[in-house]
Amino acid sequence: MKKILIIDDEEKIRTLLSRIIGLEGFDVQQAGDCKTGLNKLEREDFDVILCDVKLPDGNGVELTKKIKDKFPLVEIILLTAYGNIPDGVQAIKNGAFDYITKGDDNNKILPLLHRAVEKVDLAKRVVQLEKRLNDRHSFENIIGKSKILLQTIDLARKVAKTDTTVLLTGETGTGKEVFAQAIHQESNRNKQNFVAINCSAFSKDLLESEMFGHKAGAFTGATKDQKGLFEEAHNGTIFLDEIGEMAIELQAKLLRVLETGEFIKVGENKPTKVNVRIITATNRELEKEIQQGNFREDLFYRIAIFQIKLPPLRERVIDIELLAKCFINSFALKTNHKIVHISDDFIEALKQHSWKGNIRELKNVIERSVILTDNEALNVDSLPLDLQQFIDKNTSSNQKKHSSTFDLSIAEKIHIHKVLNYTNGNKTETAKLLNIALTTLYRKLEEYKI
């Protein structure tokens, strides 16, 4: 039930309005002055306020500003016995929904009230959607409890509050864009745009136009002026994914943006000024790219002020089950496929896979598994055929999977997996606990394709 507050020093008017509005199905409360009205607002949530302009301890026009500053979603309809244009203009400037004259405009009150309630409902839905969107891109939405992931999140949180340029490194599919969005969401720029572009998806000329925009006639097909993504991200954040793929000539133009905050659109002579935070990402080793002449050293030092390396999934095995169950729930809902049981063998098989495609590969495998299963359970047989063949190949060549328990190499592989899980993927610590040299551990990881 929508709640309405009437603030008026005339008791007869409050009572009459309460009766009329109450018959419309609203929960109505009353206050005789500014102080009482503000006290009620502090204790309860109201949707709309009907407020007199002349009150014993204040002015309704001024009260409107105080209420809107503290309770921005509340709508206020001001009532006055003697309307005048200056008060009406100031009331609207202060955030009033409307300003009407008592007596003459009584027939307008109920329609106005319903429109004000509709506006409040819409504003509340927008707030809820924004909150859901913010939650979706927050650090809390990054799934995992492994030590190495939590350390990575901690680093990202620390740099998020600054305007420092960030370079995210790591293998394909480790969630670099997810981290970039979370950094933006926890920054001072989170009310502004987050713009992402994959530098490997465009040719040099197209990428330049996409990033910086162009003037009409700058090239064939450029029929009108177009803003670039840097302009779209003004006061916000731009995420340049796969920056290692950017052409060397374009790197010089990006360097200028980093140094001066200016760029020149394609086909234009004058510079455009922007204020953006730049987050970049790559799966390449940029130091090697510099040695090979593919990447500018001066640009590297500008984008790599704060580097964060995202761990591959094989180094955070403990997180595989959490991620898998999250994806299972998501795809079961998406495909309207009820899943009531997930076998231990299914989860263990996922943990034994090397996941060269990382989280992205895991997500794809789970989606296929949910689609392929004919019942409400997921087991090893639900996995895609290529993953089943991988498991078969790495369990035993001459025996069935259940007899592989007696194979020494399989027992060793399982034991290494357990210790890696225990250390959250820390290979140095794993080697110490296994009482073997680190080089030996790496050899066995390669041998068993862990």
Protein backbone atom coordinates (compact mmCIF):
# COMPACT_ATOMS: atom_id res chain seq x y z
CA MET A 1 0.00 0.00 0.00
CA LYS A 2 1.36 3.42 -1.00
CA LYS A 3 1.98 5.80 1.88
CA ILE A 4 0.99 9.47 1.71
CA LEU A 5 1.95 12.18 4.21
CA ILE A 6 -0.15 15.36 4.50
CA ILE A 7 1.61 18.35 6.09
CA ASP A 8 -0.82 21.20 6.82
CA ASP A 9 -1.51 23.31 9.90
CA GLU A 10 -5.29 23.32 9.28
CA GLU A 11 -6.74 20.20 10.89
CA LYS A 12 -10.00 20.34 8.90
CA ILE A 13 -8.11 20.33 5.60
CA ARG A 14 -5.86 17.45 6.74
CA THR A 15 -8.89 15.41 7.81
CA LEU A 16 -10.80 16.10 4.58
CA LEU A 17 -7.81 15.23 2.38
CA SER A 18 -7.07 12.11 4.45
CA ARG A 19 -10.63 10.88 3.95
CA ILE A 20 -10.63 11.52 0.19
CA ILE A 21 -7.19 9.98 -0.37
CA GLY A 22 -7.86 7.07 1.99
CA LEU A 23 -10.89 6.06 -0.09
CA GLU A 24 -8.47 5.61 -3.03
CA GLY A 25 -6.69 2.85 -1.11
CA PHE A 26 -3.72 4.86 0.17
CA ASP A 27 -2.24 4.71 3.68
CA VAL A 28 -2.48 8.35 4.84
CA GLN A 29 -0.74 10.02 7.76
CA GLN A 30 -0.80 13.62 8.97
CA ALA A 31 1.54 16.29 10.36
CA GLY A 32 0.72 19.84 11.44
CA ASP A 33 4.12 21.45 10.89
CA CYS A 34 7.58 21.05 9.30
CA LYS A 35 9.20 19.50 12.37
CA THR A 36 6.53 16.81 12.81
CA GLY A 37 6.60 16.03 9.11
CA LEU A 38 10.40 15.62 9.05
CA ASN A 39 10.27 13.40 12.15
CA LYS A 40 7.74 11.13 10.43
CA LEU A 41 9.94 10.96 7.31
CA GLU A 42 12.90 9.89 9.45
CA ARG A 43 10.91 7.02 10.96
CA GLU A 44 8.88 5.78 7.99
CA ASP A 45 9.06 5.55 4.20
CA PHE A 46 6.54 7.69 2.32
CA ASP A 47 5.89 7.80 -1.41
CA VAL A 48 4.21 11.20 -1.82
CA ILE A 49 3.83 14.29 0.39
CA LEU A 50 1.01 16.81 0.13
CA CYS A 51 2.39 19.93 1.78
CA ASP A 52 1.00 23.39 2.50
CA VAL A 53 3.24 26.33 1.57
CA LYS A 54 2.52 28.39 4.70
CA LEU A 55 3.36 26.43 7.86
CA PRO A 56 3.78 27.58 11.48
CA ASP A 57 7.51 26.76 11.61
CA GLY A 58 8.59 27.16 8.02
CA ASN A 59 7.83 27.43 4.33
CA GLY A 60 6.74 24.50 2.17
CA VAL A 61 8.88 25.64 -0.77
CA GLU A 62 12.03 25.61 1.40
CA LEU A 63 10.94 22.37 3.07
CA THR A 64 10.71 20.75 -0.38
CA LYS A 65 14.44 21.27 -0.95
CA LYS A 66 15.32 19.81 2.47
CA ILE A 67 13.18 16.74 1.84
CA LYS A 68 14.44 16.15 -1.72
CA ASP A 69 18.07 16.49 -0.61
CA LYS A 70 17.58 13.78 2.02
CA PHE A 71 14.84 11.65 0.43
CA PRO A 72 15.26 12.08 -3.36
CA LEU A 73 12.71 9.42 -4.33
CA VAL A 74 9.83 11.09 -2.44
CA GLU A 75 7.54 13.25 -4.59
CA ILE A 76 6.06 16.47 -3.15
CA ILE A 77 2.88 18.26 -4.22
CA LEU A 78 2.67 21.76 -2.77
CA LEU A 79 -0.68 23.30 -1.85
CA THR A 80 -1.20 27.03 -1.38
CA ALA A 81 -4.16 29.30 -0.66
CA TYR A 82 -2.55 32.16 -2.58
CA GLY A 83 -0.57 30.96 -5.55
CA ASN A 84 2.01 33.17 -7.20
CA ILE A 85 4.38 32.59 -10.10
CA PRO A 86 7.74 33.17 -8.27
CA ASP A 87 6.83 30.63 -5.55
CA GLY A 88 5.66 28.17 -8.17
CA VAL A 89 8.88 28.49 -10.18
CA GLN A 90 11.04 28.11 -7.06
CA ALA A 91 9.01 25.10 -5.90
CA ILE A 92 9.66 23.27 -9.18
CA LYS A 93 13.36 24.23 -9.02
CA ASN A 94 13.49 22.77 -5.51
CA GLY A 95 12.12 19.46 -6.82
CA ALA A 96 8.36 19.69 -6.24
CA PHE A 97 6.24 17.42 -8.43
CA ASP A 98 3.61 20.17 -8.78
CA TYR A 99 2.33 23.39 -7.20
CA ILE A 100 -1.44 23.90 -7.02
CA THR A 101 -3.95 26.29 -5.46
CA LYS A 102 -6.28 25.02 -2.73
CA GLY A 103 -9.98 25.09 -3.53
CA ASP A 104 -9.70 25.92 -7.23
CA ASP A 105 -7.58 22.86 -8.01
CA ASN A 106 -9.10 20.28 -5.61
CA ASN A 107 -10.24 18.14 -8.54
CA LYS A 108 -6.60 17.88 -9.66
CA ILE A 109 -5.30 16.36 -6.41
CA LEU A 110 -6.20 12.70 -7.01
CA PRO A 111 -4.99 12.53 -10.64
CA LEU A 112 -1.79 14.33 -9.58
CA LEU A 113 -1.35 11.93 -6.70
CA HIS A 114 -1.64 8.88 -8.97
CA ARG A 115 0.87 10.35 -11.44
CA ALA A 116 3.28 11.14 -8.59
CA VAL A 117 2.99 7.56 -7.29
CA GLU A 118 3.71 6.23 -10.80
CA LYS A 119 6.84 8.38 -10.95
CA VAL A 120 7.97 7.10 -7.54
CA ASP A 121 7.42 3.47 -8.63
CA LEU A 122 9.46 4.06 -11.80
CA ALA A 123 12.29 5.73 -9.86
CA LYS A 124 12.40 2.83 -7.39
CA ARG A 125 12.56 0.29 -10.24
CA VAL A 126 15.45 2.22 -11.81
CA VAL A 127 17.31 2.23 -8.47
CA GLN A 128 16.76 -1.53 -8.12
CA LEU A 129 17.99 -2.18 -11.67
CA GLU A 130 21.07 0.00 -11.10
CA LYS A 131 21.78 -1.87 -7.88
CA ARG A 132 21.47 -5.23 -9.63
CA LEU A 133 23.75 -4.00 -12.40
CA ASN A 134 26.28 -2.69 -9.88
CA ASP A 135 26.15 -5.96 -7.93
CA ARG A 136 26.65 -7.90 -11.14
CA HIS A 137 29.89 -6.06 -11.87
CA SER A 138 31.19 -5.85 -8.29
CA PHE A 139 34.12 -7.74 -6.79
CA GLU A 140 31.60 -9.67 -4.65
CA ASN A 141 30.30 -11.25 -7.86
CA ILE A 142 33.70 -12.76 -8.71
CA ILE A 143 33.36 -16.42 -7.77
CA GLY A 144 36.10 -18.21 -5.86
CA LYS A 145 37.77 -18.62 -2.49
CA SER A 146 41.27 -19.74 -3.46
CA LYS A 147 44.09 -17.83 -1.82
CA ILE A 148 45.58 -16.70 -5.13
CA LEU A 149 42.23 -15.30 -6.36
CA LEU A 150 41.55 -13.46 -3.08
CA GLN A 151 45.03 -11.91 -3.25
CA THR A 152 44.32 -10.77 -6.83
CA ILE A 153 40.99 -9.24 -5.81
CA ASP A 154 42.68 -7.45 -2.91
CA LEU A 155 45.19 -5.86 -5.32
CA ALA A 156 42.40 -4.78 -7.66
CA ARG A 157 40.38 -3.26 -4.82
CA LYS A 158 43.36 -1.18 -3.71
CA VAL A 159 43.98 0.32 -7.14
CA ALA A 160 40.26 0.78 -7.92
CA LYS A 161 39.95 3.86 -5.69
CA THR A 162 42.70 5.64 -7.62
CA ASP A 163 42.88 6.91 -11.20
CA THR A 164 46.03 4.87 -11.88
CA THR A 165 46.31 3.11 -15.24
CA VAL A 166 46.01 -0.66 -14.79
CA LEU A 167 47.40 -3.49 -16.93
CA LEU A 168 45.61 -6.84 -16.51
CA THR A 169 47.62 -9.82 -17.71
CA GLY A 170 46.83 -13.50 -17.89
CA GLU A 171 45.76 -16.27 -20.21
CA THR A 172 42.68 -16.10 -22.40
CA GLY A 173 39.47 -16.74 -20.48
CA THR A 174 40.72 -15.78 -17.01
CA GLY A 175 38.16 -12.96 -16.62
CA LYS A 176 40.12 -9.81 -17.43
CA GLU A 177 37.05 -7.82 -18.51
CA VAL A 178 35.20 -8.93 -15.37
CA PHE A 179 38.04 -7.49 -13.27
CA ALA A 180 38.12 -4.30 -15.37
CA GLN A 181 34.39 -3.75 -14.78
CA ALA A 182 34.76 -4.42 -11.05
CA ILE A 183 37.62 -1.89 -10.83
CA HIS A 184 35.44 0.70 -12.59
CA GLN A 185 32.46 -0.12 -10.36
CA GLU A 186 34.48 0.46 -7.20
CA SER A 187 36.10 3.66 -8.49
CA ASN A 188 35.01 7.29 -8.19
CA ARG A 189 33.96 7.10 -11.86
CA ASN A 190 31.29 4.41 -11.36
CA LYS A 191 28.43 6.79 -12.23
CA GLN A 192 30.01 7.42 -15.63
CA ASN A 193 30.43 5.18 -18.69
CA PHE A 194 32.48 2.00 -18.81
CA VAL A 195 33.48 1.46 -22.45
CA ALA A 196 35.25 -1.70 -23.66
CA ILE A 197 36.89 -2.44 -27.00
CA ASN A 198 38.77 -5.50 -28.22
CA CYS A 199 41.83 -4.22 -30.08
CA SER A 200 42.22 -7.52 -31.95
CA ALA A 201 38.76 -7.24 -33.54
CA PHE A 202 39.58 -4.33 -35.86
CA SER A 203 42.10 -3.41 -38.51
CA LYS A 204 44.45 -0.50 -37.71
CA ASP A 205 42.37 2.14 -39.53
CA LEU A 206 39.04 0.91 -38.17
CA LEU A 207 40.42 0.70 -34.65
CA GLU A 208 41.68 4.29 -34.85
CA SER A 209 38.25 5.46 -35.99
CA GLU A 210 36.50 3.44 -33.28
CA MET A 211 38.77 4.77 -30.55
CA PHE A 212 39.06 8.41 -31.55
CA GLY A 213 36.16 9.04 -33.93
CA HIS A 214 36.24 10.72 -37.32
CA LYS A 215 34.99 13.70 -39.28
CA ALA A 216 32.60 13.39 -42.22
CA GLY A 217 34.53 12.72 -45.43
CA ALA A 218 37.65 11.48 -43.61
CA PHE A 219 37.47 8.23 -45.62
CA THR A 220 35.13 6.37 -47.95
CA GLY A 221 31.87 5.70 -46.15
CA ALA A 222 32.37 8.40 -43.49
CA THR A 223 29.18 10.31 -44.32
CA LYS A 224 28.86 12.07 -40.95
CA ASP A 225 30.88 13.01 -37.87
CA GLN A 226 31.25 10.18 -35.37
CA LYS A 227 32.34 10.27 -31.76
CA GLY A 228 34.99 7.77 -30.73
CA LEU A 229 34.95 5.53 -27.67
CA PHE A 230 37.35 7.80 -25.82
CA GLU A 231 34.76 10.59 -26.04
CA GLU A 232 32.02 8.16 -24.98
CA ALA A 233 34.12 7.28 -21.93
CA HIS A 234 34.76 10.92 -20.93
CA ASN A 235 34.94 11.12 -17.10
CA GLY A 236 34.55 7.34 -17.02
CA THR A 237 36.70 4.31 -17.85
CA ILE A 238 37.86 2.81 -21.14
CA PHE A 239 38.99 -0.81 -21.26
CA LEU A 240 41.38 -1.72 -24.08
CA ASP A 241 41.36 -5.51 -24.28
CA GLU A 242 44.12 -7.38 -26.14
CA ILE A 243 46.25 -4.24 -26.34
CA GLY A 244 49.18 -6.38 -27.46
CA GLU A 245 47.41 -6.70 -30.84
CA MET A 246 47.38 -2.94 -31.45
CA ALA A 247 49.35 -1.72 -34.49
CA ILE A 248 52.62 0.02 -33.60
CA GLU A 249 51.54 3.25 -35.40
CA LEU A 250 48.36 3.45 -33.33
CA GLN A 251 50.31 2.87 -30.12
CA ALA A 252 51.94 6.29 -30.58
CA LYS A 253 48.51 7.97 -30.65
CA LEU A 254 47.44 6.11 -27.53
CA LEU A 255 50.65 7.24 -25.82
CA ARG A 256 49.70 10.86 -26.54
CA VAL A 257 46.31 10.36 -24.85
CA LEU A 258 48.06 8.95 -21.78
CA GLU A 259 50.53 11.82 -21.65
CA THR A 260 48.31 14.80 -22.52
CA GLY A 261 44.69 13.64 -22.33
CA GLU A 262 44.28 14.72 -25.97
CA PHE A 263 43.77 13.01 -29.32
CA ILE A 264 43.02 14.03 -32.89
CA LYS A 265 40.05 12.53 -34.70
CA VAL A 266 40.56 10.95 -38.11
CA GLY A 267 40.25 13.73 -40.70
CA GLU A 268 40.52 16.57 -38.16
CA ASN A 269 43.37 18.90 -37.20
CA LYS A 270 42.40 20.24 -33.78
CA PRO A 271 42.83 18.06 -30.66
CA THR A 272 39.96 16.82 -28.49
CA LYS A 273 40.45 16.81 -24.71
CA VAL A 274 39.17 13.92 -22.58
CA ASN A 275 39.39 12.80 -18.97
CA VAL A 276 39.36 9.00 -18.88
CA ARG A 277 40.81 6.23 -16.80
CA ILE A 278 42.50 3.61 -18.97
CA ILE A 279 42.53 -0.09 -18.11
CA THR A 280 44.31 -2.42 -20.54
CA ALA A 281 44.59 -6.18 -20.83
CA THR A 282 46.65 -8.70 -22.75
CA ASN A 283 47.43 -12.41 -22.86
CA ARG A 284 50.79 -11.69 -24.47
CA GLU A 285 54.13 -11.15 -22.75
CA LEU A 286 54.63 -7.51 -23.65
CA GLU A 287 58.30 -7.52 -22.62
CA LYS A 288 58.95 -10.08 -25.39
CA GLU A 289 56.83 -8.05 -27.81
CA ILE A 290 59.03 -5.03 -27.04
CA GLN A 291 62.19 -7.03 -27.80
CA GLN A 292 60.68 -8.16 -31.11
CA GLY A 293 59.75 -4.57 -32.02
CA ASN A 294 56.00 -5.18 -31.86
CA PHE A 295 55.24 -2.99 -28.85
CA ARG A 296 56.51 0.43 -27.78
CA GLU A 297 58.58 0.37 -24.60
CA ASP A 298 57.48 3.90 -23.59
CA LEU A 299 53.81 2.90 -23.94
CA PHE A 300 54.39 -0.23 -21.89
CA TYR A 301 55.74 1.78 -18.96
CA ARG A 302 52.73 4.10 -19.12
CA ILE A 303 50.10 1.33 -19.13
CA ALA A 304 51.96 -0.95 -16.71
CA ILE A 305 52.07 1.46 -13.76
CA PHE A 306 50.02 -1.10 -11.84
CA GLN A 307 50.04 -4.67 -13.15
CA ILE A 308 47.67 -7.39 -11.99
CA LYS A 309 48.21 -10.96 -13.18
CA LEU A 310 45.03 -13.03 -13.21
CA PRO A 311 45.64 -16.65 -12.23
CA PRO A 312 44.75 -19.46 -14.67
CA LEU A 313 42.04 -21.87 -13.56
CA ARG A 314 44.53 -24.73 -13.07
CA GLU A 315 46.15 -22.68 -10.28
CA ARG A 316 42.84 -22.26 -8.47
CA VAL A 317 41.44 -25.79 -8.66
CA ILE A 318 39.56 -25.25 -5.41
CA ASP A 319 37.33 -22.73 -7.26
CA ILE A 320 36.27 -25.12 -10.06
CA GLU A 321 33.37 -26.65 -8.11
CA LEU A 322 32.01 -23.22 -7.10
CA LEU A 323 32.22 -21.94 -10.67
CA ALA A 324 30.71 -25.12 -12.10
CA LYS A 325 27.70 -25.04 -9.78
CA CYS A 326 27.11 -21.37 -10.54
CA PHE A 327 27.18 -22.06 -14.30
CA ILE A 328 24.97 -25.14 -13.87
CA ASN A 329 22.30 -23.09 -12.08
CA SER A 330 22.52 -20.36 -14.71
CA PHE A 331 22.24 -22.66 -17.73
CA ALA A 332 19.60 -24.88 -16.11
CA LEU A 333 17.44 -21.78 -15.70
CA LYS A 334 18.27 -20.55 -19.19
CA THR A 335 17.44 -23.87 -20.87
CA ASN A 336 14.53 -24.71 -18.53
CA HIS A 337 16.33 -27.92 -17.61
CA LYS A 338 15.97 -29.02 -13.98
CA ILE A 339 19.20 -30.34 -12.41
CA VAL A 340 18.76 -31.94 -8.98
CA HIS A 341 21.99 -33.96 -8.65
CA ILE A 342 25.64 -33.41 -9.56
CA SER A 343 27.81 -36.48 -9.08
CA ASP A 344 31.16 -36.37 -7.30
CA ASP A 345 32.70 -38.00 -10.39
CA PHE A 346 31.46 -35.14 -12.54
CA ILE A 347 33.12 -32.54 -10.29
CA GLU A 348 36.31 -34.62 -9.98
CA ALA A 349 36.51 -34.94 -13.75
CA LEU A 350 36.28 -31.15 -14.04
CA LYS A 351 39.07 -30.76 -11.49
CA GLN A 352 41.36 -33.10 -13.43
CA HIS A 353 41.04 -31.22 -16.71
CA SER A 354 43.83 -28.79 -17.64
CA TRP A 355 41.45 -25.95 -18.74
CA LYS A 356 43.69 -24.23 -21.25
CA GLY A 357 40.72 -22.00 -22.07
CA ASN A 358 40.23 -21.28 -18.35
CA ILE A 359 36.85 -20.03 -17.06
CA ARG A 360 35.51 -19.45 -20.56
CA GLU A 361 36.20 -23.09 -21.48
CA LEU A 362 34.64 -24.33 -18.23
CA LYS A 363 31.53 -22.26 -18.90
CA ASN A 364 31.19 -23.71 -22.40
CA VAL A 365 31.63 -27.28 -21.12
CA ILE A 366 28.96 -26.79 -18.44
CA GLU A 367 26.50 -25.35 -20.96
CA ARG A 368 27.02 -28.32 -23.27
CA SER A 369 26.69 -30.76 -20.37
CA VAL A 370 23.39 -29.29 -19.23
CA ILE A 371 22.09 -29.48 -22.80
CA LEU A 372 23.35 -33.08 -23.34
CA THR A 373 22.01 -34.65 -20.14
CA ASP A 374 18.78 -36.60 -20.60
CA ASN A 375 17.75 -36.56 -16.94
CA GLU A 376 17.98 -34.36 -13.85
CA ALA A 377 21.51 -35.48 -12.93
CA LEU A 378 24.97 -34.54 -14.18
CA ASN A 379 27.63 -37.25 -14.22
CA VAL A 380 30.77 -38.05 -16.22
CA ASP A 381 28.63 -39.27 -19.12
CA SER A 382 27.06 -35.82 -19.30
CA LEU A 383 30.40 -34.28 -20.23
CA PRO A 384 31.16 -33.57 -23.90
CA LEU A 385 32.80 -36.50 -25.70
CA ASP A 386 36.18 -34.82 -26.11
CA LEU A 387 36.42 -34.30 -22.34
CA GLN A 388 35.38 -37.91 -21.68
CA GLN A 389 38.10 -39.08 -24.06
CA PHE A 390 40.58 -36.89 -22.22
CA ILE A 391 39.60 -38.50 -18.93
CA ASP A 392 39.77 -42.00 -20.39
CA LYS A 393 43.20 -41.32 -21.88
CA ASN A 394 44.55 -40.08 -18.58
CA THR A 395 43.11 -42.81 -16.39
CA SER A 396 44.21 -46.04 -18.05
CA SER A 397 44.90 -47.20 -21.58
CA ASN A 398 44.16 -50.88 -20.98
CA GLN A 399 41.66 -50.83 -18.10
CA LYS A 400 38.29 -49.33 -17.39
CA LYS A 401 38.14 -46.23 -15.25
CA HIS A 402 37.08 -48.08 -12.09
CA SER A 403 40.16 -50.38 -12.24
CA SER A 404 42.61 -47.47 -12.54
CA THR A 405 42.73 -47.27 -8.75
CA PHE A 406 45.61 -49.78 -8.84
CA ASP A 407 47.67 -47.79 -11.35
CA LEU A 408 50.59 -46.11 -9.52
CA SER A 409 50.74 -43.18 -11.95
CA ILE A 410 47.03 -42.49 -11.46
CA ALA A 411 47.43 -42.59 -7.68
CA GLU A 412 50.35 -40.17 -7.98
CA LYS A 413 48.35 -37.86 -10.21
CA ILE A 414 45.40 -37.85 -7.78
CA HIS A 415 47.73 -37.16 -4.86
CA ILE A 416 49.36 -34.23 -6.67
CA HIS A 417 45.87 -32.87 -7.38
CA LYS A 418 44.96 -33.11 -3.69
CA VAL A 419 48.09 -31.27 -2.60
CA LEU A 420 47.58 -28.59 -5.26
CA ASN A 421 44.04 -28.10 -3.97
CA TYR A 422 45.37 -27.87 -0.41
CA THR A 423 47.88 -25.15 -1.40
CA ASN A 424 45.39 -23.33 -3.65
CA GLY A 425 47.61 -23.99 -6.66
CA ASN A 426 50.89 -22.77 -5.11
CA LYS A 427 53.48 -24.93 -6.90
CA THR A 428 56.44 -24.02 -4.64
CA GLU A 429 54.51 -24.97 -1.53
CA THR A 430 53.16 -28.11 -3.27
CA ALA A 431 56.70 -29.26 -4.12
CA LYS A 432 57.79 -28.76 -0.49
CA LEU A 433 54.86 -30.79 0.86
CA LEU A 434 55.50 -33.56 -1.69
CA ASN A 435 59.20 -33.46 -0.73
CA ILE A 436 60.29 -33.18 -4.36
CA ALA A 437 62.16 -30.53 -6.34
CA LEU A 438 60.11 -27.82 -8.04
CA THR A 439 61.51 -28.89 -11.42
CA THR A 440 60.32 -32.45 -10.74
CA LEU A 441 56.85 -31.16 -9.93
CA TYR A 442 56.70 -29.20 -13.20
CA ARG A 443 57.81 -32.30 -15.10
CA LYS A 444 55.03 -34.37 -13.51
CA LEU A 445 52.45 -31.65 -14.13
CA GLU A 446 53.41 -31.74 -17.80
CA GLU A 447 53.49 -35.55 -17.87
CA TYR A 448 50.05 -35.90 -16.28
CA LYS A 449 48.70 -32.85 -18.11
CA ILE A 450 47.58 -31.27 -14.87
